[in-house]
Structure formats: structure tokens, C-alpha cells
Amino acid sequence: MVDVKGRWALITGASRGIGALAAVFMAEKGCNLILHSREKSHCDRIMSEVTALGAKAYAVSAPLNDTDAVKNMLDEIDTLGVDVDIVLNNAGMQIAYRTQYYDTPVSDYTESFLINTVSPAMICYHFLPKMTARGFGRIVNTTSGIRLEPEQAGYSASKAALDKITIDLGSKIQGTDVMINLTDPGWCRTDLGGSHAPNAPESAIPGVVVGAFVDDKRSGRYFGAQDYTGLSIEEAVAKAEMLGSPY
């Protein structure tokens, strides 16, 4: 199992929900953090929590529907003088639920793909070469289990595209100590999932971060977070390495 103590992780969408829970979990394991949100001030609370746990932390900001802002954020991270060994591409947006799905506007797709596909891909392309040069890295991209719901077509299609990017990139680094995999938190009671979701956000821990700790040099896999609810990270990693399979 990977020891993350002293390593640096970038977590997108870290100011609340599952991203914030992941940040606290990683800090408890000794990981230092770069916390992303739309505005730096949104990370003030979680910044206080993780630094109180002893982690070093920076806040960065970018609306993920603005590719120029994402590029500027990545440039800013490069100036911090730290090696980003772990990326948790947690942030995402469900644009709308269209009961009249034949009237789905084009903007559902363009906005969804910018936030859920293009920006995470930019982040992957930025850090993977650096990780490869150092010989170590973990990227975990957050997908969705939504299927057969044209009411959410923009969101589900953008996540399916991210799945494809993740699997294809994973094929190029298979067998190395740079790994890229997928996680699905499940339907949780977050701002995205809504108040009627069956699962508490806490149930996604440690499943959403298990891809940062696995150490079997296999990429392009899917880790359903609800399969790891209630496990220690050691138990979760053992299960993931035994059962993890291609998406």
C-alpha cells in the first residue's frame, strides 16, 4: 500500500461534500494538499481543518467551465515548488434533469463536457508526464453510475467520455508505478446528489481515495466507493487489489 505521508495531492472540488471529506482523510494520513474550488475563499474552512491535522496546504481556484482559468490554475500550481504525486479529480456538475429529454438543449452537453470531461482531461495531461518522469503518480477520476437516463444525458455522456479517456490513458502506463483509475462515489446526499439520495457522503470514504493507495501497477480500473464503505484503508486496498478489474 502506498504511504502518502509527505506527498502532495491535488483535490478538485475540495471545498465541500465528498471532496472535503477526501481532503480530511488524506490529511489524516499525512498527505499535503492543494485544494481547488471555484473561489479560493470557498476552501477557507477545509484549509483550517487540514492544517490543524498537520498538513501543509494551498488553495487554488478555477471555474472548470473556463479552460483558460484551468490552464492558469495549473501554471500557478507549477510555481508552488512541489511535486504533485496524487490527483483526485473529484469536482463535477450535474447541469439539469430534463423530464422532457427530447428538448435537451445543446448547452447541457457543452457545459457538462467542459466541467466533467475537458477540464479533468487537461489536469491529467498536465500531471501525467511529470509523474512519469519521476516514476510515481496516482490519478483518480470520478465517474458516475448513471445509466439509461436520457433525462441526465449531458452529465452521463460527459462522465462516459471521461471513463474512455481514463481507460485509454491507463493503457499507455500499464505496469508502471504511475496509475490512473476511476471511482464512483455512488448516489450520495451532496449538493450534486440531492437530499433524497440513499447514501451519506461519508459512505464514499475510503472508496473514493482507494485509487491513491493501491500499489499493483494496474490502471484503467473502476472502484465503486460503496463497495468499500466501513472498511479501513488497509482493508480497502487489499480488496481493491484483489477484485479491481477493468471498467
Protein backbone atom coordinates (compact mmCIF):
# COMPACT_ATOMS: atom_id res chain seq x y z
CA MET A 1 0.00 0.00 0.00
CA VAL A 2 1.25 3.48 -0.84
CA ASP A 3 2.39 5.63 2.07
CA VAL A 4 1.11 9.14 1.24
CA LYS A 5 2.84 10.84 4.17
CA GLY A 6 4.68 13.92 2.92
CA ARG A 7 3.34 13.59 -0.62
CA TRP A 8 1.25 16.28 -2.31
CA ALA A 9 -2.25 15.72 -3.63
CA LEU A 10 -4.42 18.00 -5.75
CA ILE A 11 -8.12 17.61 -4.96
CA THR A 12 -10.62 19.37 -7.20
CA GLY A 13 -13.95 20.38 -5.71
CA ALA A 14 -12.37 20.24 -2.26
CA SER A 15 -14.43 22.90 -0.52
CA ARG A 16 -17.42 20.74 0.36
CA GLY A 17 -19.06 17.34 0.09
CA ILE A 18 -17.02 14.32 -0.86
CA GLY A 19 -14.05 16.44 -1.92
CA ALA A 20 -13.81 17.94 1.56
CA LEU A 21 -14.15 14.52 3.19
CA ALA A 22 -11.39 13.19 0.94
CA ALA A 23 -9.17 16.13 1.88
CA VAL A 24 -9.57 15.45 5.60
CA PHE A 25 -8.93 11.75 5.08
CA MET A 26 -5.75 12.38 3.12
CA ALA A 27 -4.54 14.91 5.69
CA GLU A 28 -5.11 12.36 8.46
CA LYS A 29 -2.78 10.05 6.54
CA GLY A 30 -0.07 12.72 6.44
CA CYS A 31 -0.64 13.94 2.88
CA ASN A 32 -0.16 17.60 1.96
CA LEU A 33 -2.88 19.18 -0.12
CA ILE A 34 -3.64 21.56 -2.95
CA LEU A 35 -7.32 22.37 -2.54
CA HIS A 36 -9.31 23.53 -5.55
CA SER A 37 -12.62 25.34 -5.69
CA ARG A 38 -14.26 27.96 -7.89
CA GLU A 39 -13.04 30.65 -5.47
CA LYS A 40 -10.11 30.31 -3.07
CA SER A 41 -12.19 31.65 -0.19
CA HIS A 42 -14.53 28.67 -0.52
CA CYS A 43 -11.69 26.49 0.79
CA ASP A 44 -11.12 28.53 3.98
CA ARG A 45 -12.98 26.08 6.23
CA ILE A 46 -11.39 22.92 4.87
CA MET A 47 -7.98 24.63 4.81
CA SER A 48 -8.31 25.24 8.55
CA GLU A 49 -9.32 21.62 9.15
CA VAL A 50 -6.46 20.02 7.24
CA THR A 51 -3.77 22.34 8.57
CA ALA A 52 -5.00 21.61 12.09
CA LEU A 53 -4.26 17.97 11.29
CA GLY A 54 -0.68 18.91 10.42
CA ALA A 55 -0.94 19.03 6.66
CA LYS A 56 0.64 21.71 4.53
CA ALA A 57 -1.95 23.15 2.17
CA TYR A 58 -2.52 25.64 -0.62
CA ALA A 59 -5.79 26.82 -2.12
CA VAL A 60 -6.20 27.33 -5.87
CA SER A 61 -9.23 28.34 -7.87
CA ALA A 62 -10.74 27.98 -11.32
CA PRO A 63 -14.25 27.56 -12.68
CA LEU A 64 -13.96 24.29 -14.58
CA ASN A 65 -16.10 25.56 -17.45
CA ASP A 66 -13.33 28.06 -18.27
CA THR A 67 -10.35 26.31 -19.88
CA ASP A 68 -8.19 29.44 -19.71
CA ALA A 69 -8.79 29.62 -15.97
CA VAL A 70 -7.90 25.94 -15.61
CA LYS A 71 -4.65 26.49 -17.50
CA ASN A 72 -3.81 29.47 -15.29
CA MET A 73 -4.51 27.35 -12.21
CA LEU A 74 -2.16 24.63 -13.44
CA ASP A 75 0.52 27.22 -14.13
CA GLU A 76 0.06 28.55 -10.60
CA ILE A 77 0.45 25.06 -9.15
CA ASP A 78 3.73 24.70 -11.05
CA THR A 79 5.07 27.79 -9.27
CA LEU A 80 4.45 26.29 -5.82
CA GLY A 81 7.63 24.27 -5.99
CA VAL A 82 6.02 20.96 -5.00
CA ASP A 83 5.66 17.64 -6.82
CA VAL A 84 2.04 16.66 -7.25
CA ASP A 85 2.07 12.88 -6.81
CA ILE A 86 -1.69 12.36 -6.44
CA VAL A 87 -4.64 13.90 -8.27
CA LEU A 88 -8.22 13.35 -7.17
CA ASN A 89 -10.38 14.74 -9.98
CA ASN A 90 -13.42 14.93 -7.74
CA ALA A 91 -15.21 18.07 -8.97
CA GLY A 92 -18.21 17.67 -11.25
CA MET A 93 -21.51 19.23 -12.19
CA GLN A 94 -24.93 17.80 -12.97
CA ILE A 95 -26.40 20.54 -15.14
CA ALA A 96 -30.07 19.61 -15.19
CA TYR A 97 -32.66 16.84 -15.02
CA ARG A 98 -34.79 17.03 -18.17
CA THR A 99 -38.13 15.27 -17.90
CA GLN A 100 -38.76 16.45 -21.46
CA TYR A 101 -35.49 14.92 -22.60
CA TYR A 102 -36.19 15.36 -26.31
CA ASP A 103 -35.93 19.07 -25.61
CA THR A 104 -32.46 18.79 -24.05
CA PRO A 105 -30.56 21.94 -25.05
CA VAL A 106 -27.11 21.82 -26.60
CA SER A 107 -25.80 23.79 -23.63
CA ASP A 108 -26.37 20.76 -21.37
CA TYR A 109 -23.71 18.97 -23.38
CA THR A 110 -21.25 21.80 -23.89
CA GLU A 111 -21.29 22.83 -20.23
CA SER A 112 -21.21 19.25 -18.94
CA PHE A 113 -18.30 18.28 -21.14
CA LEU A 114 -16.24 21.33 -20.20
CA ILE A 115 -16.65 20.67 -16.48
CA ASN A 116 -16.76 16.88 -16.33
CA THR A 117 -14.52 15.86 -19.23
CA VAL A 118 -12.34 18.58 -20.72
CA SER A 119 -11.02 20.12 -17.51
CA PRO A 120 -10.24 16.78 -15.82
CA ALA A 121 -8.51 15.69 -19.02
CA MET A 122 -6.43 18.90 -19.03
CA ILE A 123 -5.38 18.15 -15.47
CA CYS A 124 -4.43 14.58 -16.40
CA TYR A 125 -2.41 15.72 -19.41
CA HIS A 126 -0.61 18.30 -17.27
CA PHE A 127 0.49 15.99 -14.48
CA LEU A 128 0.93 12.58 -16.12
CA PRO A 129 4.19 13.48 -17.91
CA LYS A 130 5.63 14.89 -14.68
CA MET A 131 4.60 11.77 -12.78
CA THR A 132 6.09 9.54 -15.46
CA ALA A 133 9.39 11.44 -15.34
CA ARG A 134 9.57 10.94 -11.55
CA GLY A 135 8.42 7.31 -11.78
CA PHE A 136 5.44 7.67 -9.45
CA GLY A 137 1.90 9.03 -9.57
CA ARG A 138 -1.75 8.29 -8.88
CA ILE A 139 -4.73 9.88 -10.64
CA VAL A 140 -8.30 9.03 -9.65
CA ASN A 141 -11.04 10.36 -11.92
CA THR A 142 -14.59 10.46 -10.60
CA THR A 143 -17.20 8.83 -12.79
CA SER A 144 -20.92 8.16 -12.36
CA GLY A 145 -23.07 5.05 -12.28
CA ILE A 146 -25.96 6.77 -14.06
CA ARG A 147 -27.23 4.57 -16.89
CA LEU A 148 -30.29 4.55 -19.14
CA GLU A 149 -31.42 8.02 -18.08
CA PRO A 150 -31.74 10.37 -21.05
CA GLU A 151 -33.06 12.87 -18.51
CA GLN A 152 -29.42 13.40 -17.49
CA ALA A 153 -27.82 12.88 -20.89
CA GLY A 154 -25.32 15.74 -20.76
CA TYR A 155 -23.97 14.64 -17.40
CA SER A 156 -23.87 10.90 -18.07
CA ALA A 157 -22.33 11.31 -21.52
CA SER A 158 -19.62 13.59 -20.17
CA LYS A 159 -18.76 11.05 -17.49
CA ALA A 160 -18.72 8.24 -20.06
CA ALA A 161 -16.24 10.28 -22.09
CA LEU A 162 -14.04 10.71 -19.01
CA ASP A 163 -14.18 6.94 -18.49
CA LYS A 164 -12.90 6.42 -22.04
CA ILE A 165 -10.07 8.93 -21.59
CA THR A 166 -9.04 7.30 -18.31
CA ILE A 167 -9.03 3.77 -19.70
CA ASP A 168 -7.15 4.77 -22.84
CA LEU A 169 -4.50 6.73 -20.91
CA GLY A 170 -4.20 3.84 -18.50
CA SER A 171 -3.29 1.50 -21.36
CA LYS A 172 -0.17 3.59 -22.02
CA ILE A 173 1.18 3.37 -18.46
CA GLN A 174 0.04 -0.15 -17.59
CA GLY A 175 2.60 -1.96 -15.44
CA THR A 176 4.28 1.21 -14.19
CA ASP A 177 4.14 2.99 -10.85
CA VAL A 178 2.07 5.75 -12.44
CA MET A 179 -1.56 4.70 -12.25
CA ILE A 180 -4.83 6.23 -13.39
CA ASN A 181 -8.17 4.76 -12.37
CA LEU A 182 -11.84 5.59 -11.88
CA THR A 183 -14.04 5.87 -8.83
CA ASP A 184 -17.80 6.22 -8.46
CA PRO A 185 -18.93 7.64 -5.10
CA GLY A 186 -22.45 6.29 -5.56
CA TRP A 187 -25.60 8.34 -5.12
CA CYS A 188 -24.83 10.44 -2.05
CA ARG A 189 -26.58 13.28 -0.27
CA THR A 190 -24.37 16.07 -1.58
CA ASP A 191 -25.21 19.29 -3.41
CA LEU A 192 -24.95 17.30 -6.64
CA GLY A 193 -26.79 14.18 -5.45
CA GLY A 194 -29.58 15.99 -3.61
CA SER A 195 -31.26 15.41 -0.28
CA HIS A 196 -33.13 12.26 -1.34
CA ALA A 197 -30.03 10.22 -2.22
CA PRO A 198 -29.79 6.95 -0.27
CA ASN A 199 -26.17 7.26 0.84
CA ALA A 200 -24.46 9.60 3.28
CA PRO A 201 -21.41 11.36 1.82
CA GLU A 202 -19.26 9.67 4.47
CA SER A 203 -20.10 6.29 2.92
CA ALA A 204 -17.87 7.18 -0.06
CA ILE A 205 -14.79 7.16 2.18
CA PRO A 206 -12.38 5.38 1.79
CA GLY A 207 -13.64 4.15 -1.58
CA VAL A 208 -13.15 7.39 -3.47
CA VAL A 209 -9.50 7.57 -2.44
CA VAL A 210 -8.54 3.90 -2.62
CA GLY A 211 -7.05 4.51 -6.08
CA ALA A 212 -4.45 6.76 -4.47
CA PHE A 213 -3.27 3.94 -2.19
CA VAL A 214 -3.30 0.85 -4.41
CA ASP A 215 0.15 -0.33 -5.41
CA ASP A 216 -0.29 -3.09 -8.00
CA LYS A 217 0.66 -1.13 -11.14
CA ARG A 218 -2.74 -1.64 -12.83
CA SER A 219 -4.58 1.21 -14.50
CA GLY A 220 -7.94 1.74 -16.18
CA ARG A 221 -9.99 0.17 -13.39
CA TYR A 222 -13.26 1.10 -11.72
CA PHE A 223 -13.59 1.32 -7.95
CA GLY A 224 -17.19 1.64 -6.76
CA ALA A 225 -16.86 3.53 -3.48
CA GLN A 226 -19.90 1.90 -1.90
CA ASP A 227 -18.11 -1.46 -2.12
CA TYR A 228 -15.62 -0.20 0.47
CA THR A 229 -17.91 1.51 2.98
CA GLY A 230 -16.92 0.78 6.56
CA LEU A 231 -13.50 -0.65 5.67
CA SER A 232 -10.17 0.65 6.87
CA ILE A 233 -7.90 1.93 4.11
CA GLU A 234 -5.75 -1.18 4.56
CA GLU A 235 -8.77 -3.43 4.09
CA ALA A 236 -9.99 -1.34 1.16
CA VAL A 237 -6.64 -1.53 -0.63
CA ALA A 238 -6.44 -5.31 -0.13
CA LYS A 239 -9.93 -5.70 -1.57
CA ALA A 240 -9.25 -3.30 -4.46
CA GLU A 241 -6.05 -5.07 -5.45
CA MET A 242 -7.76 -8.44 -5.31
CA LEU A 243 -11.00 -7.54 -7.07
CA GLY A 244 -10.17 -4.44 -9.10
CA SER A 245 -10.95 -5.13 -12.72
CA PRO A 246 -11.14 -3.20 -15.99
CA TYR A 247 -14.16 -0.91 -16.23
